[in-house]
Full PDB file with SEQRES, HELIX, SHEET, SSBOND, CRYST1, ORIGX, SCALE, CONECT and MASTER records, all heavy atoms in Angstrom:
SEQRES   1 A   42  SER SER TYR PHE GLN ILE GLN LYS TYR GLU VAL THR SER          
SEQRES   2 A   42  GLY SER LEU PHE THR ASN SER GLN ILE ASN ASN SER GLU          
SEQRES   3 A   42  SER VAL VAL ILE LEU GLY GLU GLN ALA ALA LYS GLU ILE          
SEQRES   4 A   42  PHE THR ASP                                                  
HELIX    1 AA1 SER A    2  GLN A    7  1                                   6    
HELIX    2 AA2 ASN A   19  ASN A   24  1                                   6    
HELIX    3 AA3 GLU A   33  ILE A   39  1                                   7    
CRYST1    1.000    1.000    1.000  90.00  90.00  90.00 P 1           1          
ORIGX1      1.000000  0.000000  0.000000        0.00000                         
ORIGX2      0.000000  1.000000  0.000000        0.00000                         
ORIGX3      0.000000  0.000000  1.000000        0.00000                         
SCALE1      1.000000  0.000000  0.000000        0.00000                         
SCALE2      0.000000  1.000000  0.000000        0.00000                         
SCALE3      0.000000  0.000000  1.000000        0.00000                         
ATOM      1  N   SER A   1       6.868   4.188  -0.083  1.00  0.00           N  
ATOM      2  CA  SER A   1       7.301   4.662  -1.353  1.00  0.00           C  
ATOM      3  C   SER A   1       7.014   3.553  -2.438  1.00  0.00           C  
ATOM      4  O   SER A   1       6.752   3.975  -3.683  1.00  0.00           O  
ATOM      5  CB  SER A   1       8.765   5.039  -1.464  1.00  0.00           C  
ATOM      6  OG  SER A   1       9.576   3.924  -1.001  1.00  0.00           O  
ATOM      7  N   SER A   2       6.885   2.327  -2.094  1.00  0.00           N  
ATOM      8  CA  SER A   2       6.675   1.229  -3.143  1.00  0.00           C  
ATOM      9  C   SER A   2       5.157   1.446  -3.641  1.00  0.00           C  
ATOM     10  O   SER A   2       4.876   0.817  -4.673  1.00  0.00           O  
ATOM     11  CB  SER A   2       6.918  -0.074  -2.583  1.00  0.00           C  
ATOM     12  OG  SER A   2       8.231  -0.276  -2.178  1.00  0.00           O  
ATOM     13  N   TYR A   3       4.279   1.986  -2.900  1.00  0.00           N  
ATOM     14  CA  TYR A   3       2.866   2.087  -3.222  1.00  0.00           C  
ATOM     15  C   TYR A   3       2.720   2.679  -4.620  1.00  0.00           C  
ATOM     16  O   TYR A   3       1.865   2.200  -5.371  1.00  0.00           O  
ATOM     17  CB  TYR A   3       2.147   2.831  -2.114  1.00  0.00           C  
ATOM     18  CG  TYR A   3       0.711   3.072  -2.464  1.00  0.00           C  
ATOM     19  CD1 TYR A   3      -0.240   2.163  -1.976  1.00  0.00           C  
ATOM     20  CD2 TYR A   3       0.312   4.321  -3.025  1.00  0.00           C  
ATOM     21  CE1 TYR A   3      -1.573   2.316  -2.229  1.00  0.00           C  
ATOM     22  CE2 TYR A   3      -1.094   4.451  -3.288  1.00  0.00           C  
ATOM     23  CZ  TYR A   3      -1.933   3.450  -2.823  1.00  0.00           C  
ATOM     24  OH  TYR A   3      -3.322   3.755  -3.071  1.00  0.00           O  
ATOM     25  N   PHE A   4       3.430   3.684  -4.976  1.00  0.00           N  
ATOM     26  CA  PHE A   4       3.265   4.397  -6.175  1.00  0.00           C  
ATOM     27  C   PHE A   4       3.621   3.514  -7.373  1.00  0.00           C  
ATOM     28  O   PHE A   4       3.034   3.636  -8.431  1.00  0.00           O  
ATOM     29  CB  PHE A   4       4.112   5.745  -6.189  1.00  0.00           C  
ATOM     30  CG  PHE A   4       3.840   6.577  -5.004  1.00  0.00           C  
ATOM     31  CD1 PHE A   4       4.606   6.556  -3.926  1.00  0.00           C  
ATOM     32  CD2 PHE A   4       2.543   7.313  -4.965  1.00  0.00           C  
ATOM     33  CE1 PHE A   4       4.346   7.275  -2.842  1.00  0.00           C  
ATOM     34  CE2 PHE A   4       2.279   8.079  -3.872  1.00  0.00           C  
ATOM     35  CZ  PHE A   4       3.241   8.107  -2.767  1.00  0.00           C  
ATOM     36  N   GLN A   5       4.690   2.752  -7.299  1.00  0.00           N  
ATOM     37  CA  GLN A   5       4.966   1.788  -8.330  1.00  0.00           C  
ATOM     38  C   GLN A   5       3.977   0.669  -8.501  1.00  0.00           C  
ATOM     39  O   GLN A   5       3.691   0.204  -9.558  1.00  0.00           O  
ATOM     40  CB  GLN A   5       6.419   1.131  -8.048  1.00  0.00           C  
ATOM     41  CG  GLN A   5       6.893   0.301  -9.193  1.00  0.00           C  
ATOM     42  CD  GLN A   5       8.386  -0.195  -8.901  1.00  0.00           C  
ATOM     43  OE1 GLN A   5       8.980   0.247  -8.096  1.00  0.00           O  
ATOM     44  NE2 GLN A   5       8.769  -1.185  -9.774  1.00  0.00           N  
ATOM     45  N   ILE A   6       3.392   0.241  -7.345  1.00  0.00           N  
ATOM     46  CA  ILE A   6       2.483  -0.881  -7.422  1.00  0.00           C  
ATOM     47  C   ILE A   6       1.153  -0.301  -8.071  1.00  0.00           C  
ATOM     48  O   ILE A   6       0.641  -1.011  -8.902  1.00  0.00           O  
ATOM     49  CB  ILE A   6       2.104  -1.276  -5.918  1.00  0.00           C  
ATOM     50  CG1 ILE A   6       3.305  -1.989  -5.307  1.00  0.00           C  
ATOM     51  CG2 ILE A   6       0.792  -2.183  -5.940  1.00  0.00           C  
ATOM     52  CD1 ILE A   6       3.132  -2.238  -3.787  1.00  0.00           C  
ATOM     53  N   GLN A   7       0.797   0.860  -7.758  1.00  0.00           N  
ATOM     54  CA  GLN A   7      -0.322   1.495  -8.322  1.00  0.00           C  
ATOM     55  C   GLN A   7      -0.119   2.181  -9.666  1.00  0.00           C  
ATOM     56  O   GLN A   7      -1.120   2.641 -10.397  1.00  0.00           O  
ATOM     57  CB  GLN A   7      -0.984   2.549  -7.364  1.00  0.00           C  
ATOM     58  CG  GLN A   7      -1.409   2.004  -5.987  1.00  0.00           C  
ATOM     59  CD  GLN A   7      -2.630   1.062  -6.131  1.00  0.00           C  
ATOM     60  OE1 GLN A   7      -3.233   0.898  -7.160  1.00  0.00           O  
ATOM     61  NE2 GLN A   7      -2.869   0.282  -5.110  1.00  0.00           N  
ATOM     62  N   LYS A   8       1.037   2.209 -10.154  1.00  0.00           N  
ATOM     63  CA  LYS A   8       1.478   2.671 -11.472  1.00  0.00           C  
ATOM     64  C   LYS A   8       1.205   4.166 -11.596  1.00  0.00           C  
ATOM     65  O   LYS A   8       0.730   4.679 -12.533  1.00  0.00           O  
ATOM     66  CB  LYS A   8       0.774   1.926 -12.597  1.00  0.00           C  
ATOM     67  CG  LYS A   8       1.111   0.489 -12.580  1.00  0.00           C  
ATOM     68  CD  LYS A   8       0.461  -0.285 -13.811  1.00  0.00           C  
ATOM     69  CE  LYS A   8       0.706  -1.754 -13.631  1.00  0.00           C  
ATOM     70  NZ  LYS A   8       0.053  -2.478 -14.773  1.00  0.00           N  
ATOM     71  N   TYR A   9       1.490   4.925 -10.495  1.00  0.00           N  
ATOM     72  CA  TYR A   9       1.352   6.386 -10.521  1.00  0.00           C  
ATOM     73  C   TYR A   9       2.511   7.027 -11.180  1.00  0.00           C  
ATOM     74  O   TYR A   9       3.712   6.558 -11.016  1.00  0.00           O  
ATOM     75  CB  TYR A   9       1.205   7.004  -9.163  1.00  0.00           C  
ATOM     76  CG  TYR A   9      -0.179   6.657  -8.446  1.00  0.00           C  
ATOM     77  CD1 TYR A   9      -0.199   5.869  -7.275  1.00  0.00           C  
ATOM     78  CD2 TYR A   9      -1.352   7.198  -9.021  1.00  0.00           C  
ATOM     79  CE1 TYR A   9      -1.477   5.648  -6.683  1.00  0.00           C  
ATOM     80  CE2 TYR A   9      -2.586   6.828  -8.405  1.00  0.00           C  
ATOM     81  CZ  TYR A   9      -2.606   6.085  -7.366  1.00  0.00           C  
ATOM     82  OH  TYR A   9      -3.798   5.778  -6.777  1.00  0.00           O  
ATOM     83  N   GLU A  10       2.324   8.097 -11.969  1.00  0.00           N  
ATOM     84  CA  GLU A  10       3.275   8.764 -12.633  1.00  0.00           C  
ATOM     85  C   GLU A  10       3.593  10.068 -11.951  1.00  0.00           C  
ATOM     86  O   GLU A  10       2.649  10.904 -11.806  1.00  0.00           O  
ATOM     87  CB  GLU A  10       2.960   9.015 -14.100  1.00  0.00           C  
ATOM     88  CG  GLU A  10       4.003   9.806 -14.970  1.00  0.00           C  
ATOM     89  CD  GLU A  10       3.543  10.033 -16.310  1.00  0.00           C  
ATOM     90  OE1 GLU A  10       2.572   9.354 -16.824  1.00  0.00           O  
ATOM     91  OE2 GLU A  10       4.060  10.887 -16.997  1.00  0.00           O  
ATOM     92  N   VAL A  11       4.906  10.353 -11.591  1.00  0.00           N  
ATOM     93  CA  VAL A  11       5.314  11.630 -11.019  1.00  0.00           C  
ATOM     94  C   VAL A  11       5.320  12.697 -12.040  1.00  0.00           C  
ATOM     95  O   VAL A  11       6.010  12.653 -13.125  1.00  0.00           O  
ATOM     96  CB  VAL A  11       6.618  11.478 -10.203  1.00  0.00           C  
ATOM     97  CG1 VAL A  11       6.971  12.904  -9.667  1.00  0.00           C  
ATOM     98  CG2 VAL A  11       6.532  10.367  -9.149  1.00  0.00           C  
ATOM     99  N   THR A  12       4.603  13.801 -11.840  1.00  0.00           N  
ATOM    100  CA  THR A  12       4.533  14.851 -12.755  1.00  0.00           C  
ATOM    101  C   THR A  12       5.578  16.090 -12.311  1.00  0.00           C  
ATOM    102  O   THR A  12       6.050  16.789 -13.113  1.00  0.00           O  
ATOM    103  CB  THR A  12       3.231  15.560 -12.912  1.00  0.00           C  
ATOM    104  OG1 THR A  12       2.676  15.943 -11.697  1.00  0.00           O  
ATOM    105  CG2 THR A  12       2.295  14.490 -13.563  1.00  0.00           C  
ATOM    106  N   SER A  13       5.851  16.118 -10.981  1.00  0.00           N  
ATOM    107  CA  SER A  13       6.815  17.099 -10.502  1.00  0.00           C  
ATOM    108  C   SER A  13       7.239  16.636  -9.059  1.00  0.00           C  
ATOM    109  O   SER A  13       6.464  15.973  -8.310  1.00  0.00           O  
ATOM    110  CB  SER A  13       6.250  18.510 -10.382  1.00  0.00           C  
ATOM    111  OG  SER A  13       5.089  18.525  -9.573  1.00  0.00           O  
ATOM    112  N   GLY A  14       8.534  17.002  -8.763  1.00  0.00           N  
ATOM    113  CA  GLY A  14       8.918  16.694  -7.443  1.00  0.00           C  
ATOM    114  C   GLY A  14       9.481  15.161  -7.416  1.00  0.00           C  
ATOM    115  O   GLY A  14       9.767  14.612  -8.545  1.00  0.00           O  
ATOM    116  N   SER A  15       9.516  14.627  -6.235  1.00  0.00           N  
ATOM    117  CA  SER A  15      10.079  13.235  -6.079  1.00  0.00           C  
ATOM    118  C   SER A  15       9.294  12.521  -5.016  1.00  0.00           C  
ATOM    119  O   SER A  15       8.705  13.154  -4.049  1.00  0.00           O  
ATOM    120  CB  SER A  15      11.525  13.271  -5.714  1.00  0.00           C  
ATOM    121  OG  SER A  15      11.819  13.920  -4.650  1.00  0.00           O  
ATOM    122  N   LEU A  16       9.299  11.174  -5.033  1.00  0.00           N  
ATOM    123  CA  LEU A  16       8.543  10.409  -4.018  1.00  0.00           C  
ATOM    124  C   LEU A  16       9.279  10.434  -2.689  1.00  0.00           C  
ATOM    125  O   LEU A  16      10.352  10.971  -2.530  1.00  0.00           O  
ATOM    126  CB  LEU A  16       8.496   8.932  -4.625  1.00  0.00           C  
ATOM    127  CG  LEU A  16       7.766   8.834  -5.934  1.00  0.00           C  
ATOM    128  CD1 LEU A  16       7.769   7.299  -6.408  1.00  0.00           C  
ATOM    129  CD2 LEU A  16       6.224   9.311  -5.818  1.00  0.00           C  
ATOM    130  N   PHE A  17       8.614   9.804  -1.739  1.00  0.00           N  
ATOM    131  CA  PHE A  17       9.144   9.788  -0.380  1.00  0.00           C  
ATOM    132  C   PHE A  17      10.518   9.035  -0.421  1.00  0.00           C  
ATOM    133  O   PHE A  17      10.788   8.029  -1.104  1.00  0.00           O  
ATOM    134  CB  PHE A  17       8.293   8.956   0.532  1.00  0.00           C  
ATOM    135  CG  PHE A  17       6.765   9.380   0.656  1.00  0.00           C  
ATOM    136  CD1 PHE A  17       5.818   8.581   0.475  1.00  0.00           C  
ATOM    137  CD2 PHE A  17       6.559  10.817   0.935  1.00  0.00           C  
ATOM    138  CE1 PHE A  17       4.524   9.057   0.613  1.00  0.00           C  
ATOM    139  CE2 PHE A  17       5.286  11.287   1.008  1.00  0.00           C  
ATOM    140  CZ  PHE A  17       4.249  10.349   0.885  1.00  0.00           C  
ATOM    141  N   THR A  18      11.404   9.548   0.378  1.00  0.00           N  
ATOM    142  CA  THR A  18      12.814   8.954   0.596  1.00  0.00           C  
ATOM    143  C   THR A  18      12.592   8.031   1.821  1.00  0.00           C  
ATOM    144  O   THR A  18      11.784   8.178   2.636  1.00  0.00           O  
ATOM    145  CB  THR A  18      13.838   9.967   0.811  1.00  0.00           C  
ATOM    146  OG1 THR A  18      13.616  10.677   2.010  1.00  0.00           O  
ATOM    147  CG2 THR A  18      13.922  10.930  -0.400  1.00  0.00           C  
ATOM    148  N   ASN A  19      13.531   7.221   1.882  1.00  0.00           N  
ATOM    149  CA  ASN A  19      13.646   6.219   3.159  1.00  0.00           C  
ATOM    150  C   ASN A  19      13.849   7.056   4.416  1.00  0.00           C  
ATOM    151  O   ASN A  19      13.263   6.716   5.462  1.00  0.00           O  
ATOM    152  CB  ASN A  19      14.849   5.278   3.018  1.00  0.00           C  
ATOM    153  CG  ASN A  19      14.543   4.186   1.919  1.00  0.00           C  
ATOM    154  OD1 ASN A  19      13.351   3.929   1.558  1.00  0.00           O  
ATOM    155  ND2 ASN A  19      15.580   3.657   1.268  1.00  0.00           N  
ATOM    156  N   SER A  20      14.590   8.102   4.335  1.00  0.00           N  
ATOM    157  CA  SER A  20      14.886   8.980   5.442  1.00  0.00           C  
ATOM    158  C   SER A  20      13.543   9.609   5.916  1.00  0.00           C  
ATOM    159  O   SER A  20      13.209   9.701   7.071  1.00  0.00           O  
ATOM    160  CB  SER A  20      15.899  10.097   5.078  1.00  0.00           C  
ATOM    161  OG  SER A  20      16.029  10.920   6.199  1.00  0.00           O  
ATOM    162  N   GLN A  21      12.772  10.063   4.955  1.00  0.00           N  
ATOM    163  CA  GLN A  21      11.416  10.711   5.305  1.00  0.00           C  
ATOM    164  C   GLN A  21      10.527   9.764   5.941  1.00  0.00           C  
ATOM    165  O   GLN A  21       9.793  10.116   6.826  1.00  0.00           O  
ATOM    166  CB  GLN A  21      10.877  11.362   4.053  1.00  0.00           C  
ATOM    167  CG  GLN A  21      11.634  12.668   3.485  1.00  0.00           C  
ATOM    168  CD  GLN A  21      11.114  13.015   2.082  1.00  0.00           C  
ATOM    169  OE1 GLN A  21      10.614  12.202   1.358  1.00  0.00           O  
ATOM    170  NE2 GLN A  21      11.342  14.330   1.788  1.00  0.00           N  
ATOM    171  N   ILE A  22      10.558   8.589   5.429  1.00  0.00           N  
ATOM    172  CA  ILE A  22       9.675   7.538   6.023  1.00  0.00           C  
ATOM    173  C   ILE A  22      10.137   7.071   7.379  1.00  0.00           C  
ATOM    174  O   ILE A  22       9.253   6.995   8.210  1.00  0.00           O  
ATOM    175  CB  ILE A  22       9.573   6.290   5.034  1.00  0.00           C  
ATOM    176  CG1 ILE A  22       8.838   6.741   3.649  1.00  0.00           C  
ATOM    177  CG2 ILE A  22       8.797   5.109   5.712  1.00  0.00           C  
ATOM    178  CD1 ILE A  22       8.968   5.632   2.652  1.00  0.00           C  
ATOM    179  N   ASN A  23      11.330   6.837   7.594  1.00  0.00           N  
ATOM    180  CA  ASN A  23      11.958   6.368   8.861  1.00  0.00           C  
ATOM    181  C   ASN A  23      11.793   7.465   9.854  1.00  0.00           C  
ATOM    182  O   ASN A  23      11.497   7.095  11.037  1.00  0.00           O  
ATOM    183  CB  ASN A  23      13.413   5.950   8.689  1.00  0.00           C  
ATOM    184  CG  ASN A  23      13.607   4.732   7.791  1.00  0.00           C  
ATOM    185  OD1 ASN A  23      12.696   3.897   7.615  1.00  0.00           O  
ATOM    186  ND2 ASN A  23      14.643   4.585   7.141  1.00  0.00           N  
ATOM    187  N   ASN A  24      11.845   8.695   9.598  1.00  0.00           N  
ATOM    188  CA  ASN A  24      11.773   9.807  10.425  1.00  0.00           C  
ATOM    189  C   ASN A  24      10.410  10.281  10.674  1.00  0.00           C  
ATOM    190  O   ASN A  24      10.147  11.394  11.412  1.00  0.00           O  
ATOM    191  CB  ASN A  24      12.634  10.908  10.100  1.00  0.00           C  
ATOM    192  CG  ASN A  24      14.167  10.525  10.042  1.00  0.00           C  
ATOM    193  OD1 ASN A  24      14.556   9.748  10.984  1.00  0.00           O  
ATOM    194  ND2 ASN A  24      14.911  11.193   9.218  1.00  0.00           N  
ATOM    195  N   SER A  25       9.385   9.736   9.930  1.00  0.00           N  
ATOM    196  CA  SER A  25       7.970  10.097   9.953  1.00  0.00           C  
ATOM    197  C   SER A  25       7.876  11.586   9.700  1.00  0.00           C  
ATOM    198  O   SER A  25       7.124  12.356  10.388  1.00  0.00           O  
ATOM    199  CB  SER A  25       7.383   9.779  11.304  1.00  0.00           C  
ATOM    200  OG  SER A  25       7.456   8.354  11.515  1.00  0.00           O  
ATOM    201  N   GLU A  26       8.535  12.075   8.657  1.00  0.00           N  
ATOM    202  CA  GLU A  26       8.479  13.587   8.390  1.00  0.00           C  
ATOM    203  C   GLU A  26       7.152  13.914   7.789  1.00  0.00           C  
ATOM    204  O   GLU A  26       6.399  13.077   7.085  1.00  0.00           O  
ATOM    205  CB  GLU A  26       9.539  13.930   7.356  1.00  0.00           C  
ATOM    206  CG  GLU A  26      11.057  13.662   7.881  1.00  0.00           C  
ATOM    207  CD  GLU A  26      11.945  14.269   6.841  1.00  0.00           C  
ATOM    208  OE1 GLU A  26      11.648  14.987   5.925  1.00  0.00           O  
ATOM    209  OE2 GLU A  26      13.269  13.734   7.008  1.00  0.00           O  
ATOM    210  N   SER A  27       6.667  15.085   8.081  1.00  0.00           N  
ATOM    211  CA  SER A  27       5.349  15.633   7.637  1.00  0.00           C  
ATOM    212  C   SER A  27       5.431  16.066   6.221  1.00  0.00           C  
ATOM    213  O   SER A  27       5.452  17.253   5.850  1.00  0.00           O  
ATOM    214  CB  SER A  27       4.961  16.695   8.529  1.00  0.00           C  
ATOM    215  OG  SER A  27       4.806  16.214   9.833  1.00  0.00           O  
ATOM    216  N   VAL A  28       5.502  15.162   5.313  1.00  0.00           N  
ATOM    217  CA  VAL A  28       5.527  15.511   3.759  1.00  0.00           C  
ATOM    218  C   VAL A  28       4.305  14.784   3.199  1.00  0.00           C  
ATOM    219  O   VAL A  28       3.896  13.784   3.660  1.00  0.00           O  
ATOM    220  CB  VAL A  28       6.826  15.083   3.200  1.00  0.00           C  
ATOM    221  CG1 VAL A  28       7.959  15.944   3.678  1.00  0.00           C  
ATOM    222  CG2 VAL A  28       7.060  13.626   3.488  1.00  0.00           C  
ATOM    223  N   VAL A  29       3.853  15.312   2.040  1.00  0.00           N  
ATOM    224  CA  VAL A  29       2.730  14.874   1.339  1.00  0.00           C  
ATOM    225  C   VAL A  29       2.815  14.862  -0.155  1.00  0.00           C  
ATOM    226  O   VAL A  29       3.590  15.822  -0.621  1.00  0.00           O  
ATOM    227  CB  VAL A  29       1.479  15.637   1.878  1.00  0.00           C  
ATOM    228  CG1 VAL A  29       1.551  17.057   1.453  1.00  0.00           C  
ATOM    229  CG2 VAL A  29       0.144  14.978   1.301  1.00  0.00           C  
ATOM    230  N   ILE A  30       2.227  14.039  -0.831  1.00  0.00           N  
ATOM    231  CA  ILE A  30       2.179  14.032  -2.293  1.00  0.00           C  
ATOM    232  C   ILE A  30       0.771  14.130  -2.680  1.00  0.00           C  
ATOM    233  O   ILE A  30      -0.165  13.437  -2.257  1.00  0.00           O  
ATOM    234  CB  ILE A  30       2.792  12.693  -2.813  1.00  0.00           C  
ATOM    235  CG1 ILE A  30       4.328  12.524  -2.428  1.00  0.00           C  
ATOM    236  CG2 ILE A  30       2.717  12.647  -4.321  1.00  0.00           C  
ATOM    237  CD1 ILE A  30       4.931  11.246  -2.864  1.00  0.00           C  
ATOM    238  N   LEU A  31       0.513  15.026  -3.641  1.00  0.00           N  
ATOM    239  CA  LEU A  31      -0.838  15.386  -4.148  1.00  0.00           C  
ATOM    240  C   LEU A  31      -1.128  14.810  -5.546  1.00  0.00           C  
ATOM    241  O   LEU A  31      -0.150  14.743  -6.322  1.00  0.00           O  
ATOM    242  CB  LEU A  31      -1.126  16.848  -4.190  1.00  0.00           C  
ATOM    243  CG  LEU A  31      -1.103  17.573  -2.827  1.00  0.00           C  
ATOM    244  CD1 LEU A  31      -1.454  19.046  -3.029  1.00  0.00           C  
ATOM    245  CD2 LEU A  31      -2.033  16.983  -1.824  1.00  0.00           C  
ATOM    246  N   GLY A  32      -2.359  14.409  -5.787  1.00  0.00           N  
ATOM    247  CA  GLY A  32      -2.788  14.116  -7.141  1.00  0.00           C  
ATOM    248  C   GLY A  32      -2.886  15.477  -7.904  1.00  0.00           C  
ATOM    249  O   GLY A  32      -3.246  16.434  -7.253  1.00  0.00           O  
ATOM    250  N   GLU A  33      -2.666  15.400  -9.189  1.00  0.00           N  
ATOM    251  CA  GLU A  33      -2.784  16.637  -9.986  1.00  0.00           C  
ATOM    252  C   GLU A  33      -4.138  17.316  -9.803  1.00  0.00           C  
ATOM    253  O   GLU A  33      -4.187  18.490  -9.620  1.00  0.00           O  
ATOM    254  CB  GLU A  33      -2.583  16.370 -11.442  1.00  0.00           C  
ATOM    255  CG  GLU A  33      -1.090  16.193 -11.865  1.00  0.00           C  
ATOM    256  CD  GLU A  33      -0.970  16.112 -13.405  1.00  0.00           C  
ATOM    257  OE1 GLU A  33      -1.848  15.536 -14.000  1.00  0.00           O  
ATOM    258  OE2 GLU A  33      -0.024  16.563 -13.853  1.00  0.00           O  
ATOM    259  N   GLN A  34      -5.230  16.627  -9.830  1.00  0.00           N  
ATOM    260  CA  GLN A  34      -6.500  17.064  -9.557  1.00  0.00           C  
ATOM    261  C   GLN A  34      -6.709  17.828  -8.265  1.00  0.00           C  
ATOM    262  O   GLN A  34      -7.277  18.893  -8.189  1.00  0.00           O  
ATOM    263  CB  GLN A  34      -7.638  16.066  -9.953  1.00  0.00           C  
ATOM    264  CG  GLN A  34      -9.031  16.592  -9.882  1.00  0.00           C  
ATOM    265  CD  GLN A  34      -9.251  17.748 -10.952  1.00  0.00           C  
ATOM    266  OE1 GLN A  34      -8.736  17.564 -12.093  1.00  0.00           O  
ATOM    267  NE2 GLN A  34     -10.082  18.721 -10.654  1.00  0.00           N  
ATOM    268  N   ALA A  35      -6.237  17.119  -7.275  1.00  0.00           N  
ATOM    269  CA  ALA A  35      -6.360  17.675  -5.936  1.00  0.00           C  
ATOM    270  C   ALA A  35      -5.641  18.974  -5.781  1.00  0.00           C  
ATOM    271  O   ALA A  35      -6.059  19.962  -5.134  1.00  0.00           O  
ATOM    272  CB  ALA A  35      -5.913  16.667  -4.893  1.00  0.00           C  
ATOM    273  N   ALA A  36      -4.450  19.000  -6.424  1.00  0.00           N  
ATOM    274  CA  ALA A  36      -3.566  20.137  -6.362  1.00  0.00           C  
ATOM    275  C   ALA A  36      -4.167  21.459  -7.005  1.00  0.00           C  
ATOM    276  O   ALA A  36      -4.186  22.550  -6.559  1.00  0.00           O  
ATOM    277  CB  ALA A  36      -2.189  19.897  -7.025  1.00  0.00           C  
ATOM    278  N   LYS A  37      -4.916  21.078  -8.135  1.00  0.00           N  
ATOM    279  CA  LYS A  37      -5.595  22.190  -8.868  1.00  0.00           C  
ATOM    280  C   LYS A  37      -6.812  22.661  -8.013  1.00  0.00           C  
ATOM    281  O   LYS A  37      -7.098  23.883  -7.978  1.00  0.00           O  
ATOM    282  CB  LYS A  37      -6.180  21.644 -10.220  1.00  0.00           C  
ATOM    283  CG  LYS A  37      -5.086  21.404 -11.222  1.00  0.00           C  
ATOM    284  CD  LYS A  37      -5.580  20.805 -12.538  1.00  0.00           C  
ATOM    285  CE  LYS A  37      -4.453  20.546 -13.453  1.00  0.00           C  
ATOM    286  NZ  LYS A  37      -5.052  19.850 -14.833  1.00  0.00           N  
ATOM    287  N   GLU A  38      -7.411  21.834  -7.365  1.00  0.00           N  
ATOM    288  CA  GLU A  38      -8.682  22.203  -6.560  1.00  0.00           C  
ATOM    289  C   GLU A  38      -8.163  22.948  -5.244  1.00  0.00           C  
ATOM    290  O   GLU A  38      -8.967  23.827  -4.922  1.00  0.00           O  
ATOM    291  CB  GLU A  38      -9.431  20.954  -6.205  1.00  0.00           C  
ATOM    292  CG  GLU A  38     -10.120  20.259  -7.314  1.00  0.00           C  
ATOM    293  CD  GLU A  38     -10.775  18.988  -7.028  1.00  0.00           C  
ATOM    294  OE1 GLU A  38     -10.634  18.567  -5.793  1.00  0.00           O  
ATOM    295  OE2 GLU A  38     -11.351  18.260  -7.849  1.00  0.00           O  
ATOM    296  N   ILE A  39      -7.084  22.569  -4.753  1.00  0.00           N  
ATOM    297  CA  ILE A  39      -6.600  23.269  -3.433  1.00  0.00           C  
ATOM    298  C   ILE A  39      -6.025  24.628  -3.760  1.00  0.00           C  
ATOM    299  O   ILE A  39      -6.265  25.624  -3.133  1.00  0.00           O  
ATOM    300  CB  ILE A  39      -5.594  22.335  -2.774  1.00  0.00           C  
ATOM    301  CG1 ILE A  39      -6.256  21.091  -2.232  1.00  0.00           C  
ATOM    302  CG2 ILE A  39      -4.974  23.147  -1.602  1.00  0.00           C  
ATOM    303  CD1 ILE A  39      -5.238  20.102  -1.651  1.00  0.00           C  
ATOM    304  N   PHE A  40      -5.186  24.718  -4.864  1.00  0.00           N  
ATOM    305  CA  PHE A  40      -4.474  25.953  -5.299  1.00  0.00           C  
ATOM    306  C   PHE A  40      -5.202  26.492  -6.471  1.00  0.00           C  
ATOM    307  O   PHE A  40      -4.721  26.281  -7.607  1.00  0.00           O  
ATOM    308  CB  PHE A  40      -2.977  25.655  -5.526  1.00  0.00           C  
ATOM    309  CG  PHE A  40      -2.279  25.222  -4.322  1.00  0.00           C  
ATOM    310  CD1 PHE A  40      -2.007  23.894  -4.154  1.00  0.00           C  
ATOM    311  CD2 PHE A  40      -1.775  26.155  -3.399  1.00  0.00           C  
ATOM    312  CE1 PHE A  40      -1.259  23.391  -3.038  1.00  0.00           C  
ATOM    313  CE2 PHE A  40      -1.069  25.702  -2.323  1.00  0.00           C  
ATOM    314  CZ  PHE A  40      -0.766  24.341  -2.147  1.00  0.00           C  
ATOM    315  N   THR A  41      -6.445  27.055  -6.216  1.00  0.00           N  
ATOM    316  CA  THR A  41      -7.225  27.479  -7.346  1.00  0.00           C  
ATOM    317  C   THR A  41      -6.676  28.677  -8.116  1.00  0.00           C  
ATOM    318  O   THR A  41      -7.037  28.994  -9.241  1.00  0.00           O  
ATOM    319  CB  THR A  41      -8.605  27.937  -6.789  1.00  0.00           C  
ATOM    320  OG1 THR A  41      -8.413  28.922  -5.821  1.00  0.00           O  
ATOM    321  CG2 THR A  41      -9.312  26.665  -6.221  1.00  0.00           C  
ATOM    322  N   ASP A  42      -5.606  29.422  -7.487  1.00  0.00           N  
ATOM    323  CA  ASP A  42      -5.071  30.567  -8.211  1.00  0.00           C  
ATOM    324  C   ASP A  42      -3.856  30.093  -9.117  1.00  0.00           C  
ATOM    325  O   ASP A  42      -3.275  30.966  -9.621  1.00  0.00           O  
ATOM    326  CB  ASP A  42      -4.632  31.548  -7.123  1.00  0.00           C  
ATOM    327  CG  ASP A  42      -3.623  30.929  -6.152  1.00  0.00           C  
ATOM    328  OD1 ASP A  42      -3.244  29.784  -6.300  1.00  0.00           O  
ATOM    329  OD2 ASP A  42      -3.057  31.658  -5.399  1.00  0.00           O  
TER     330      ASP A  42                                                      
MASTER        0    0    0    3    0    0    0    6  329    1    0    4          
END                                                                             
């Protein structure tokens, strides 16, 4: 989760990884805005 602060990414919606999600290796993902637009074209 520290990666986003280091790289100075700004969250536009939702929330970053929680410690619980990281520790449990949950299958969650965060998308860049451009990637989200390209994947969900509708």
